[in-house]
N, C-alpha and C. Protein backbone atom coordinates (compact mmCIF):
# COMPACT_ATOMS: atom_id res chain seq x y z
N MET A 1 181.09 221.96 123.00
CA MET A 1 180.74 220.61 123.33
C MET A 1 180.87 219.75 122.07
N GLN A 2 181.51 218.63 122.23
CA GLN A 2 181.72 217.71 121.12
C GLN A 2 180.76 216.52 121.27
N GLU A 3 179.99 216.25 120.23
CA GLU A 3 179.11 215.08 120.23
C GLU A 3 179.94 213.85 119.87
N LEU A 4 179.88 212.84 120.71
CA LEU A 4 180.63 211.60 120.50
C LEU A 4 179.62 210.51 120.15
N THR A 5 179.75 209.95 118.94
CA THR A 5 178.70 209.06 118.43
C THR A 5 179.13 207.60 118.31
N THR A 6 180.38 207.29 118.63
CA THR A 6 180.85 205.91 118.61
C THR A 6 181.74 205.69 119.83
N ILE A 7 181.91 204.45 120.21
CA ILE A 7 182.78 204.16 121.35
C ILE A 7 184.24 204.51 121.02
N ASN A 8 184.61 204.39 119.74
CA ASN A 8 185.96 204.80 119.35
C ASN A 8 186.18 206.30 119.55
N GLU A 9 185.17 207.10 119.21
CA GLU A 9 185.27 208.54 119.44
C GLU A 9 185.37 208.84 120.94
N VAL A 10 184.61 208.12 121.75
CA VAL A 10 184.66 208.30 123.20
C VAL A 10 186.06 207.96 123.71
N ASP A 11 186.59 206.82 123.27
CA ASP A 11 187.92 206.40 123.70
C ASP A 11 188.98 207.42 123.32
N THR A 12 188.93 207.92 122.10
CA THR A 12 189.89 208.91 121.64
C THR A 12 189.75 210.20 122.45
N PHE A 13 188.54 210.58 122.72
CA PHE A 13 188.28 211.81 123.48
C PHE A 13 188.87 211.72 124.89
N VAL A 14 188.63 210.62 125.59
CA VAL A 14 189.08 210.53 126.99
C VAL A 14 190.55 210.15 127.11
N GLU A 15 191.10 209.51 126.10
CA GLU A 15 192.51 209.11 126.17
C GLU A 15 193.45 210.25 125.84
N GLY A 16 192.92 211.32 125.31
CA GLY A 16 193.77 212.47 125.03
C GLY A 16 194.30 213.04 126.33
N SER A 17 195.42 213.70 126.25
CA SER A 17 196.00 214.26 127.46
C SER A 17 195.17 215.45 127.93
N GLY A 18 195.24 215.71 129.20
CA GLY A 18 194.56 216.87 129.75
C GLY A 18 193.26 216.53 130.43
N LEU A 19 192.43 217.54 130.59
CA LEU A 19 191.16 217.44 131.30
C LEU A 19 190.03 217.24 130.31
N SER A 20 189.26 216.17 130.52
CA SER A 20 188.12 215.86 129.65
C SER A 20 186.90 215.64 130.52
N PHE A 21 185.80 216.28 130.15
CA PHE A 21 184.54 216.13 130.88
C PHE A 21 183.55 215.43 129.96
N LEU A 22 183.05 214.30 130.41
CA LEU A 22 182.13 213.50 129.61
C LEU A 22 180.74 213.53 130.25
N TYR A 23 179.75 213.90 129.46
CA TYR A 23 178.36 213.93 129.92
C TYR A 23 177.60 212.83 129.16
N VAL A 24 177.08 211.87 129.91
CA VAL A 24 176.36 210.74 129.32
C VAL A 24 174.89 210.89 129.68
N SER A 25 174.05 210.92 128.64
CA SER A 25 172.61 211.12 128.85
C SER A 25 171.81 210.19 127.95
N THR A 26 170.50 210.24 128.12
CA THR A 26 169.58 209.51 127.24
C THR A 26 168.51 210.48 126.76
N PRO A 27 167.93 210.25 125.59
CA PRO A 27 166.99 211.21 125.02
C PRO A 27 165.68 211.36 125.79
N ASN A 28 165.23 210.32 126.47
CA ASN A 28 163.94 210.39 127.16
C ASN A 28 164.07 210.75 128.64
N CYS A 29 165.18 211.32 129.01
CA CYS A 29 165.48 211.66 130.41
C CYS A 29 165.29 213.16 130.62
N SER A 30 164.25 213.55 131.35
CA SER A 30 164.00 214.98 131.56
C SER A 30 165.10 215.61 132.40
N THR A 31 165.66 214.88 133.34
CA THR A 31 166.77 215.41 134.15
C THR A 31 167.98 215.68 133.26
N CYS A 32 168.24 214.77 132.33
CA CYS A 32 169.36 214.95 131.41
C CYS A 32 169.22 216.25 130.63
N HIS A 33 168.02 216.50 130.13
CA HIS A 33 167.77 217.70 129.33
C HIS A 33 167.85 218.97 130.19
N ALA A 34 167.43 218.88 131.44
CA ALA A 34 167.47 220.04 132.33
C ALA A 34 168.90 220.39 132.74
N LEU A 35 169.74 219.38 132.94
CA LEU A 35 171.10 219.62 133.41
C LEU A 35 172.05 220.11 132.31
N LEU A 36 171.83 219.69 131.09
CA LEU A 36 172.77 220.00 130.01
C LEU A 36 173.04 221.49 129.84
N PRO A 37 172.02 222.36 129.77
CA PRO A 37 172.33 223.79 129.60
C PRO A 37 173.10 224.37 130.79
N LYS A 38 172.79 223.92 131.99
CA LYS A 38 173.51 224.40 133.17
C LYS A 38 174.96 223.94 133.13
N LEU A 39 175.15 222.71 132.72
CA LEU A 39 176.50 222.16 132.63
C LEU A 39 177.30 222.88 131.55
N ARG A 40 176.68 223.13 130.41
CA ARG A 40 177.33 223.86 129.32
C ARG A 40 177.77 225.24 129.79
N GLU A 41 176.89 225.92 130.49
CA GLU A 41 177.22 227.26 131.00
C GLU A 41 178.38 227.19 131.99
N LEU A 42 178.34 226.22 132.90
CA LEU A 42 179.42 226.08 133.88
C LEU A 42 180.75 225.81 133.19
N LEU A 43 180.77 224.88 132.26
CA LEU A 43 182.03 224.48 131.62
C LEU A 43 182.56 225.55 130.67
N ASN A 44 181.74 226.49 130.25
CA ASN A 44 182.23 227.61 129.45
C ASN A 44 183.28 228.41 130.22
N GLY A 45 183.23 228.35 131.55
CA GLY A 45 184.20 229.06 132.37
C GLY A 45 185.51 228.32 132.56
N TYR A 46 185.64 227.16 131.93
CA TYR A 46 186.84 226.33 132.06
C TYR A 46 187.36 225.95 130.67
N PRO A 47 188.04 226.87 129.99
CA PRO A 47 188.49 226.58 128.63
C PRO A 47 189.50 225.44 128.55
N SER A 48 190.13 225.08 129.66
CA SER A 48 191.11 223.99 129.63
C SER A 48 190.46 222.61 129.70
N ILE A 49 189.14 222.58 129.94
CA ILE A 49 188.43 221.29 130.03
C ILE A 49 187.68 221.06 128.72
N ARG A 50 188.02 219.94 128.07
CA ARG A 50 187.28 219.55 126.85
C ARG A 50 185.96 218.92 127.30
N PHE A 51 184.89 219.24 126.60
CA PHE A 51 183.54 218.80 126.98
C PHE A 51 182.96 217.92 125.89
N GLY A 52 182.64 216.68 126.24
CA GLY A 52 182.05 215.75 125.29
C GLY A 52 180.72 215.23 125.78
N HIS A 53 179.82 214.98 124.85
CA HIS A 53 178.48 214.47 125.17
C HIS A 53 178.26 213.14 124.45
N VAL A 54 177.69 212.18 125.19
CA VAL A 54 177.38 210.86 124.62
C VAL A 54 175.93 210.53 124.90
N ASP A 55 175.21 210.12 123.87
CA ASP A 55 173.86 209.59 124.01
C ASP A 55 174.02 208.09 124.27
N ALA A 56 173.69 207.65 125.47
CA ALA A 56 173.91 206.26 125.87
C ALA A 56 173.05 205.28 125.08
N THR A 57 171.99 205.75 124.43
CA THR A 57 171.18 204.85 123.61
C THR A 57 171.82 204.60 122.25
N LYS A 58 172.67 205.52 121.81
CA LYS A 58 173.37 205.36 120.53
C LYS A 58 174.73 204.71 120.69
N VAL A 59 175.36 204.92 121.84
CA VAL A 59 176.67 204.34 122.13
C VAL A 59 176.51 203.49 123.38
N GLU A 60 175.89 202.34 123.20
CA GLU A 60 175.54 201.49 124.35
C GLU A 60 176.77 201.00 125.11
N GLU A 61 177.90 200.87 124.44
CA GLU A 61 179.12 200.37 125.07
C GLU A 61 179.63 201.32 126.16
N VAL A 62 179.22 202.58 126.12
CA VAL A 62 179.71 203.54 127.10
C VAL A 62 179.31 203.16 128.51
N ALA A 63 178.14 202.54 128.67
CA ALA A 63 177.68 202.14 130.00
C ALA A 63 178.62 201.10 130.61
N GLU A 64 179.01 200.14 129.81
CA GLU A 64 179.93 199.11 130.29
C GLU A 64 181.33 199.69 130.53
N ARG A 65 181.79 200.50 129.62
CA ARG A 65 183.14 201.06 129.72
C ARG A 65 183.34 201.86 130.99
N PHE A 66 182.31 202.63 131.38
CA PHE A 66 182.44 203.51 132.53
C PHE A 66 181.57 203.11 133.72
N LEU A 67 181.04 201.88 133.68
CA LEU A 67 180.23 201.36 134.78
C LEU A 67 179.07 202.30 135.12
N ILE A 68 178.29 202.63 134.11
CA ILE A 68 177.17 203.55 134.26
C ILE A 68 175.89 202.74 134.39
N LEU A 69 175.16 203.01 135.48
CA LEU A 69 173.91 202.29 135.72
C LEU A 69 172.68 203.11 135.38
N ALA A 70 172.80 204.44 135.42
CA ALA A 70 171.67 205.32 135.13
C ALA A 70 172.20 206.64 134.59
N ALA A 71 171.36 207.32 133.84
CA ALA A 71 171.73 208.62 133.27
C ALA A 71 170.98 209.71 134.03
N PRO A 72 171.53 210.90 134.07
CA PRO A 72 172.80 211.32 133.50
C PRO A 72 173.97 211.03 134.43
N ILE A 73 175.13 210.93 133.82
CA ILE A 73 176.39 210.78 134.55
C ILE A 73 177.36 211.81 133.98
N MET A 74 178.10 212.43 134.87
CA MET A 74 179.12 213.40 134.50
C MET A 74 180.45 212.89 135.01
N LEU A 75 181.41 212.78 134.11
CA LEU A 75 182.73 212.25 134.47
C LEU A 75 183.81 213.25 134.08
N LEU A 76 184.70 213.53 135.01
CA LEU A 76 185.88 214.32 134.70
C LEU A 76 187.05 213.35 134.67
N LEU A 77 187.76 213.35 133.55
CA LEU A 77 188.92 212.47 133.39
C LEU A 77 190.17 213.32 133.25
N ILE A 78 191.22 212.88 133.89
CA ILE A 78 192.51 213.55 133.78
C ILE A 78 193.48 212.57 133.14
N ASP A 79 193.99 212.95 131.98
CA ASP A 79 194.88 212.08 131.22
C ASP A 79 194.30 210.67 131.05
N GLY A 80 192.98 210.62 130.80
CA GLY A 80 192.31 209.36 130.53
C GLY A 80 191.83 208.59 131.74
N GLN A 81 192.13 209.07 132.94
CA GLN A 81 191.74 208.38 134.16
C GLN A 81 190.59 209.13 134.83
N GLU A 82 189.55 208.38 135.23
CA GLU A 82 188.42 209.00 135.90
C GLU A 82 188.88 209.61 137.22
N PHE A 83 188.52 210.87 137.42
CA PHE A 83 188.92 211.58 138.62
C PHE A 83 187.71 212.05 139.43
N LEU A 84 186.61 212.34 138.74
CA LEU A 84 185.41 212.86 139.40
C LEU A 84 184.18 212.29 138.71
N ARG A 85 183.19 211.90 139.51
CA ARG A 85 181.94 211.35 138.98
C ARG A 85 180.79 212.02 139.71
N GLU A 86 179.85 212.55 138.95
CA GLU A 86 178.63 213.15 139.50
C GLU A 86 177.44 212.49 138.82
N ASP A 87 176.36 212.36 139.57
CA ASP A 87 175.16 211.76 138.97
C ASP A 87 174.06 212.80 138.85
N ARG A 88 172.85 212.35 138.69
CA ARG A 88 171.73 213.23 138.39
C ARG A 88 171.44 214.27 139.45
N PHE A 89 171.88 214.06 140.67
CA PHE A 89 171.57 214.99 141.75
C PHE A 89 172.76 215.91 142.04
N VAL A 90 173.33 216.46 141.01
CA VAL A 90 174.52 217.30 141.13
C VAL A 90 174.16 218.67 141.70
N ARG A 91 175.00 219.13 142.59
CA ARG A 91 174.89 220.50 143.12
C ARG A 91 175.95 221.31 142.40
N PHE A 92 175.50 222.23 141.55
CA PHE A 92 176.42 222.94 140.67
C PHE A 92 177.40 223.83 141.42
N GLY A 93 177.00 224.39 142.54
CA GLY A 93 177.94 225.19 143.32
C GLY A 93 179.10 224.35 143.83
N LEU A 94 178.79 223.17 144.32
CA LEU A 94 179.82 222.26 144.80
C LEU A 94 180.67 221.73 143.64
N LEU A 95 180.03 221.42 142.52
CA LEU A 95 180.78 220.97 141.35
C LEU A 95 181.75 222.06 140.89
N GLN A 96 181.32 223.30 140.89
CA GLN A 96 182.20 224.39 140.49
C GLN A 96 183.39 224.50 141.43
N GLU A 97 183.17 224.36 142.74
CA GLU A 97 184.28 224.39 143.70
C GLU A 97 185.28 223.27 143.42
N LYS A 98 184.77 222.08 143.14
CA LYS A 98 185.64 220.94 142.83
C LYS A 98 186.45 221.21 141.56
N LEU A 99 185.78 221.72 140.53
CA LEU A 99 186.46 222.01 139.27
C LEU A 99 187.52 223.09 139.46
N ASP A 100 187.20 224.10 140.26
CA ASP A 100 188.19 225.16 140.53
C ASP A 100 189.45 224.57 141.13
N ARG A 101 189.30 223.71 142.13
CA ARG A 101 190.46 223.10 142.79
C ARG A 101 191.24 222.20 141.83
N ILE A 102 190.52 221.43 141.05
CA ILE A 102 191.18 220.50 140.12
C ILE A 102 191.97 221.27 139.06
N VAL A 103 191.32 222.26 138.45
CA VAL A 103 191.98 223.04 137.40
C VAL A 103 193.18 223.78 137.97
N GLU A 104 193.05 224.31 139.17
CA GLU A 104 194.16 225.02 139.81
C GLU A 104 195.36 224.09 140.02
N HIS A 105 195.11 222.89 140.47
CA HIS A 105 196.20 221.94 140.72
C HIS A 105 196.75 221.33 139.44
N TYR A 106 195.92 221.22 138.45
CA TYR A 106 196.36 220.59 137.20
C TYR A 106 197.18 221.55 136.34
N SER A 107 196.89 222.82 136.44
CA SER A 107 197.57 223.82 135.59
C SER A 107 199.04 223.93 135.89
């Protein structure tokens, strides 16, 4: 997981070619803290997906850039374009199925 601490780092991360997964959270969000380890474990099974984390309180521009109203938000981008968006009520089994299909078609 790559910590992204500026909007320029976020832009560079998502504009790179390939599959990029962006996790946007806030420090005082208990849901954010609960989901991160599960998400990390899930994404370990997808070496072709780059995983980046953004603290929305430190990189406030990320909310405007990606139209984020609340944290946490999980975004999968393909070649810089948003392809999948999940919010705080993510079902990991369903997310894994979606990622399997996406990675299979993208490869």
